[in-house]
């Protein structure tokens, strides 16, 4: 009798947990469509950025070109590495 009661309570607990999770995660059709459109826009934006590439900037010390996102800045100067940044801009 104890085992049967255990399995009945276990099944009931699983059913309640499943029901609560379904209710909480439920989206109507309009919300699903909006979510899908938002995901498509994000994918398009990421593809455009990847296709366009990134602007390259020149190191003020050694003259090497590096992507702007990887460059280190100090004031108005741009550097390729901490070593160049610490050395400062080279007079040309």
N, C-alpha and C. Protein backbone atom coordinates (compact mmCIF):
# COMPACT_ATOMS: atom_id res chain seq x y z
N UNK A 1 0.82 -1.18 0.00
CA UNK A 1 0.00 0.00 0.00
C UNK A 1 0.87 1.26 0.00
N UNK A 2 1.99 1.21 0.71
CA UNK A 2 2.90 2.35 0.80
C UNK A 2 3.52 2.70 -0.54
N UNK A 3 3.88 1.65 -1.32
CA UNK A 3 4.48 1.89 -2.63
C UNK A 3 3.49 2.53 -3.58
N UNK A 4 2.28 2.05 -3.56
CA UNK A 4 1.26 2.59 -4.46
C UNK A 4 1.03 4.06 -4.14
N UNK A 5 0.91 4.39 -2.86
CA UNK A 5 0.72 5.77 -2.45
C UNK A 5 1.89 6.64 -2.87
N UNK A 6 3.11 6.11 -2.74
CA UNK A 6 4.31 6.84 -3.14
C UNK A 6 4.27 7.17 -4.63
N UNK A 7 3.96 6.18 -5.48
CA UNK A 7 3.95 6.41 -6.92
C UNK A 7 2.80 7.31 -7.35
N UNK A 8 1.67 7.22 -6.68
CA UNK A 8 0.55 8.11 -6.98
C UNK A 8 0.94 9.55 -6.65
N UNK A 9 1.55 9.78 -5.49
CA UNK A 9 1.99 11.12 -5.11
C UNK A 9 3.09 11.64 -6.03
N UNK A 10 3.98 10.75 -6.45
CA UNK A 10 5.04 11.13 -7.37
C UNK A 10 4.45 11.56 -8.71
N UNK A 11 3.51 10.78 -9.24
CA UNK A 11 2.87 11.13 -10.51
C UNK A 11 2.10 12.44 -10.37
N UNK A 12 1.43 12.64 -9.27
CA UNK A 12 0.69 13.87 -9.03
C UNK A 12 1.64 15.07 -8.96
N UNK A 13 2.76 14.92 -8.30
CA UNK A 13 3.76 15.99 -8.21
C UNK A 13 4.34 16.35 -9.58
N UNK A 14 4.62 15.34 -10.38
CA UNK A 14 5.14 15.58 -11.72
C UNK A 14 4.10 16.30 -12.56
N UNK A 15 2.83 15.87 -12.46
CA UNK A 15 1.76 16.50 -13.23
C UNK A 15 1.59 17.97 -12.83
N UNK A 16 1.65 18.28 -11.56
CA UNK A 16 1.51 19.66 -11.09
C UNK A 16 2.69 20.51 -11.58
N UNK A 17 3.90 19.99 -11.47
CA UNK A 17 5.08 20.72 -11.92
C UNK A 17 5.02 20.98 -13.43
N UNK A 18 4.62 19.99 -14.20
CA UNK A 18 4.51 20.14 -15.65
C UNK A 18 3.46 21.19 -16.00
N UNK A 19 2.32 21.14 -15.31
CA UNK A 19 1.24 22.09 -15.56
C UNK A 19 1.67 23.52 -15.26
N UNK A 20 2.37 23.72 -14.15
CA UNK A 20 2.85 25.07 -13.80
C UNK A 20 3.87 25.58 -14.80
N UNK A 21 4.76 24.72 -15.24
CA UNK A 21 5.77 25.17 -16.19
C UNK A 21 5.14 25.49 -17.54
N UNK A 22 4.14 24.73 -17.97
CA UNK A 22 3.46 25.00 -19.23
C UNK A 22 2.71 26.34 -19.16
N UNK A 23 2.08 26.59 -18.05
CA UNK A 23 1.30 27.82 -17.89
C UNK A 23 2.22 29.04 -17.89
N UNK A 24 3.37 28.90 -17.25
CA UNK A 24 4.31 30.02 -17.16
C UNK A 24 4.97 30.30 -18.51
N UNK A 25 5.24 29.27 -19.30
CA UNK A 25 5.94 29.43 -20.58
C UNK A 25 5.00 29.59 -21.76
N UNK A 26 3.75 29.74 -21.52
CA UNK A 26 2.77 29.79 -22.60
C UNK A 26 2.82 31.16 -23.31
N UNK A 27 2.95 31.12 -24.64
CA UNK A 27 2.92 32.33 -25.45
C UNK A 27 1.77 32.20 -26.43
N UNK A 28 1.10 33.30 -26.70
CA UNK A 28 0.06 33.24 -27.71
C UNK A 28 0.71 33.40 -29.09
N UNK A 29 -0.07 33.21 -30.14
CA UNK A 29 0.48 33.23 -31.49
C UNK A 29 1.11 34.57 -31.85
N UNK A 30 0.51 35.68 -31.42
CA UNK A 30 1.06 37.00 -31.74
C UNK A 30 2.44 37.17 -31.08
N UNK A 31 2.56 36.74 -29.83
CA UNK A 31 3.84 36.86 -29.14
C UNK A 31 4.90 35.98 -29.80
N UNK A 32 4.52 34.79 -30.24
CA UNK A 32 5.47 33.90 -30.93
C UNK A 32 5.95 34.54 -32.24
N UNK A 33 5.02 35.15 -32.98
CA UNK A 33 5.38 35.81 -34.23
C UNK A 33 6.33 36.98 -33.98
N UNK A 34 6.04 37.80 -32.98
CA UNK A 34 6.92 38.92 -32.64
C UNK A 34 8.31 38.44 -32.24
N UNK A 35 8.36 37.37 -31.46
CA UNK A 35 9.64 36.82 -31.04
C UNK A 35 10.44 36.31 -32.23
N UNK A 36 9.78 35.64 -33.16
CA UNK A 36 10.47 35.13 -34.34
C UNK A 36 10.97 36.28 -35.22
N UNK A 37 10.17 37.33 -35.38
CA UNK A 37 10.61 38.49 -36.16
C UNK A 37 11.82 39.16 -35.52
N UNK A 38 11.81 39.28 -34.20
CA UNK A 38 12.94 39.87 -33.49
C UNK A 38 14.21 39.04 -33.69
N UNK A 39 14.07 37.73 -33.61
CA UNK A 39 15.24 36.85 -33.83
C UNK A 39 15.77 36.98 -35.25
N UNK A 40 14.88 37.09 -36.25
CA UNK A 40 15.31 37.26 -37.64
C UNK A 40 16.06 38.58 -37.81
N UNK A 41 15.56 39.66 -37.23
CA UNK A 41 16.23 40.95 -37.33
C UNK A 41 17.63 40.89 -36.72
N UNK A 42 17.74 40.24 -35.56
CA UNK A 42 19.06 40.12 -34.92
C UNK A 42 20.01 39.33 -35.80
N UNK A 43 19.53 38.23 -36.40
CA UNK A 43 20.39 37.43 -37.28
C UNK A 43 20.85 38.26 -38.47
N UNK A 44 19.91 39.03 -39.08
CA UNK A 44 20.27 39.88 -40.22
C UNK A 44 21.32 40.91 -39.84
N UNK A 45 21.14 41.53 -38.67
CA UNK A 45 22.11 42.53 -38.21
C UNK A 45 23.48 41.91 -38.00
N UNK A 46 23.53 40.72 -37.41
CA UNK A 46 24.80 40.05 -37.19
C UNK A 46 25.47 39.69 -38.51
N UNK A 47 24.66 39.24 -39.49
CA UNK A 47 25.22 38.90 -40.80
C UNK A 47 25.77 40.14 -41.50
N UNK A 48 25.07 41.27 -41.38
CA UNK A 48 25.56 42.51 -41.99
C UNK A 48 26.88 42.95 -41.37
N UNK A 49 26.95 42.87 -40.05
CA UNK A 49 28.19 43.26 -39.38
C UNK A 49 29.35 42.35 -39.79
N UNK A 50 29.08 41.05 -39.88
CA UNK A 50 30.13 40.10 -40.26
C UNK A 50 30.58 40.34 -41.69
N UNK A 51 29.65 40.65 -42.57
CA UNK A 51 29.99 40.88 -43.98
C UNK A 51 30.74 42.19 -44.16
N UNK A 52 30.38 43.21 -43.38
CA UNK A 52 31.01 44.52 -43.53
C UNK A 52 32.43 44.54 -42.99
N UNK A 53 32.75 43.71 -42.05
CA UNK A 53 34.07 43.71 -41.45
C UNK A 53 34.18 44.78 -40.38
N UNK A 54 35.39 45.09 -40.01
CA UNK A 54 35.61 46.08 -38.95
C UNK A 54 36.64 47.08 -39.42
N UNK A 55 36.49 48.30 -38.99
CA UNK A 55 37.42 49.36 -39.36
C UNK A 55 38.79 49.08 -38.76
N UNK A 56 39.83 49.35 -39.54
CA UNK A 56 41.20 49.16 -39.08
C UNK A 56 41.78 50.53 -38.71
N UNK A 57 42.55 50.57 -37.62
CA UNK A 57 43.20 51.80 -37.18
C UNK A 57 44.70 51.56 -37.06
N UNK A 58 45.47 52.62 -37.18
CA UNK A 58 46.93 52.49 -37.17
C UNK A 58 47.48 52.79 -35.79
N UNK A 59 48.40 51.97 -35.34
CA UNK A 59 49.07 52.15 -34.05
C UNK A 59 49.92 53.41 -34.12
N UNK A 60 49.83 54.25 -33.09
CA UNK A 60 50.57 55.51 -33.05
C UNK A 60 52.06 55.29 -32.81
N UNK A 61 52.46 54.11 -32.34
CA UNK A 61 53.87 53.86 -32.06
C UNK A 61 54.56 53.11 -33.19
N UNK A 62 54.02 51.93 -33.56
CA UNK A 62 54.72 51.10 -34.55
C UNK A 62 54.11 51.16 -35.94
N UNK A 63 52.90 51.69 -36.09
CA UNK A 63 52.30 51.84 -37.41
C UNK A 63 51.53 50.63 -37.90
N UNK A 64 51.40 49.59 -37.09
CA UNK A 64 50.66 48.39 -37.48
C UNK A 64 49.16 48.70 -37.45
N UNK A 65 48.44 48.15 -38.42
CA UNK A 65 46.99 48.32 -38.45
C UNK A 65 46.33 47.18 -37.67
N UNK A 66 45.41 47.55 -36.80
CA UNK A 66 44.67 46.58 -35.98
C UNK A 66 43.18 46.90 -36.06
N UNK A 67 42.31 45.90 -35.83
CA UNK A 67 40.87 46.18 -35.80
C UNK A 67 40.55 47.17 -34.69
N UNK A 68 39.63 48.08 -34.95
CA UNK A 68 39.29 49.12 -33.98
C UNK A 68 38.80 48.53 -32.66
N UNK A 69 38.14 47.39 -32.70
CA UNK A 69 37.64 46.77 -31.48
C UNK A 69 38.75 46.21 -30.60
N UNK A 70 39.89 45.87 -31.19
CA UNK A 70 41.01 45.32 -30.43
C UNK A 70 42.03 46.37 -30.03
N UNK A 71 41.92 47.56 -30.56
CA UNK A 71 42.90 48.61 -30.31
C UNK A 71 42.79 49.15 -28.89
N UNK A 72 43.92 49.58 -28.37
CA UNK A 72 43.98 50.21 -27.04
C UNK A 72 44.09 51.71 -27.25
N UNK A 73 43.37 52.46 -26.45
CA UNK A 73 43.36 53.92 -26.61
C UNK A 73 43.93 54.60 -25.38
N UNK A 74 44.69 55.66 -25.65
CA UNK A 74 45.16 56.55 -24.58
C UNK A 74 45.06 57.95 -25.15
N UNK A 75 44.09 58.69 -24.63
CA UNK A 75 43.85 60.04 -25.16
C UNK A 75 43.35 59.94 -26.59
N UNK A 76 44.02 60.69 -27.47
CA UNK A 76 43.61 60.68 -28.87
C UNK A 76 44.37 59.66 -29.70
N UNK A 77 45.31 58.95 -29.09
CA UNK A 77 46.14 57.98 -29.81
C UNK A 77 45.60 56.56 -29.65
N UNK A 78 45.89 55.74 -30.66
CA UNK A 78 45.44 54.35 -30.70
C UNK A 78 46.69 53.47 -30.79
N UNK A 79 46.70 52.37 -30.04
CA UNK A 79 47.86 51.48 -29.99
C UNK A 79 47.44 50.03 -30.23
N UNK A 80 48.40 49.22 -30.68
CA UNK A 80 48.12 47.81 -30.98
C UNK A 80 48.33 46.91 -29.77
N UNK A 81 49.15 47.34 -28.81
CA UNK A 81 49.45 46.47 -27.66
C UNK A 81 49.78 47.34 -26.44
N UNK A 82 49.77 46.73 -25.26
CA UNK A 82 50.16 47.48 -24.07
C UNK A 82 51.61 47.99 -24.15
N UNK A 83 52.48 47.21 -24.80
CA UNK A 83 53.88 47.63 -24.94
C UNK A 83 53.99 48.93 -25.73
N UNK A 84 53.29 49.02 -26.84
CA UNK A 84 53.30 50.23 -27.65
C UNK A 84 52.63 51.39 -26.90
N UNK A 85 51.56 51.07 -26.19
CA UNK A 85 50.85 52.11 -25.43
C UNK A 85 51.76 52.72 -24.37
N UNK A 86 52.52 51.87 -23.68
CA UNK A 86 53.42 52.36 -22.64
C UNK A 86 54.58 53.16 -23.23
N UNK A 87 55.01 52.81 -24.46
CA UNK A 87 56.10 53.53 -25.11
C UNK A 87 55.64 54.91 -25.60
N UNK A 88 54.37 55.05 -25.88
CA UNK A 88 53.85 56.35 -26.32
C UNK A 88 53.95 56.52 -27.82
N UNK A 89 53.43 57.60 -28.33
CA UNK A 89 53.45 57.82 -29.79
C UNK A 89 54.87 58.11 -30.27
N UNK A 90 55.18 57.62 -31.43
CA UNK A 90 56.51 57.83 -32.04
C UNK A 90 56.46 59.11 -32.86
N UNK A 91 57.50 59.90 -32.75
CA UNK A 91 57.60 61.14 -33.54
C UNK A 91 58.00 60.74 -34.97
N UNK A 92 57.26 61.27 -35.91
CA UNK A 92 57.56 60.91 -37.32
C UNK A 92 57.97 62.11 -38.11
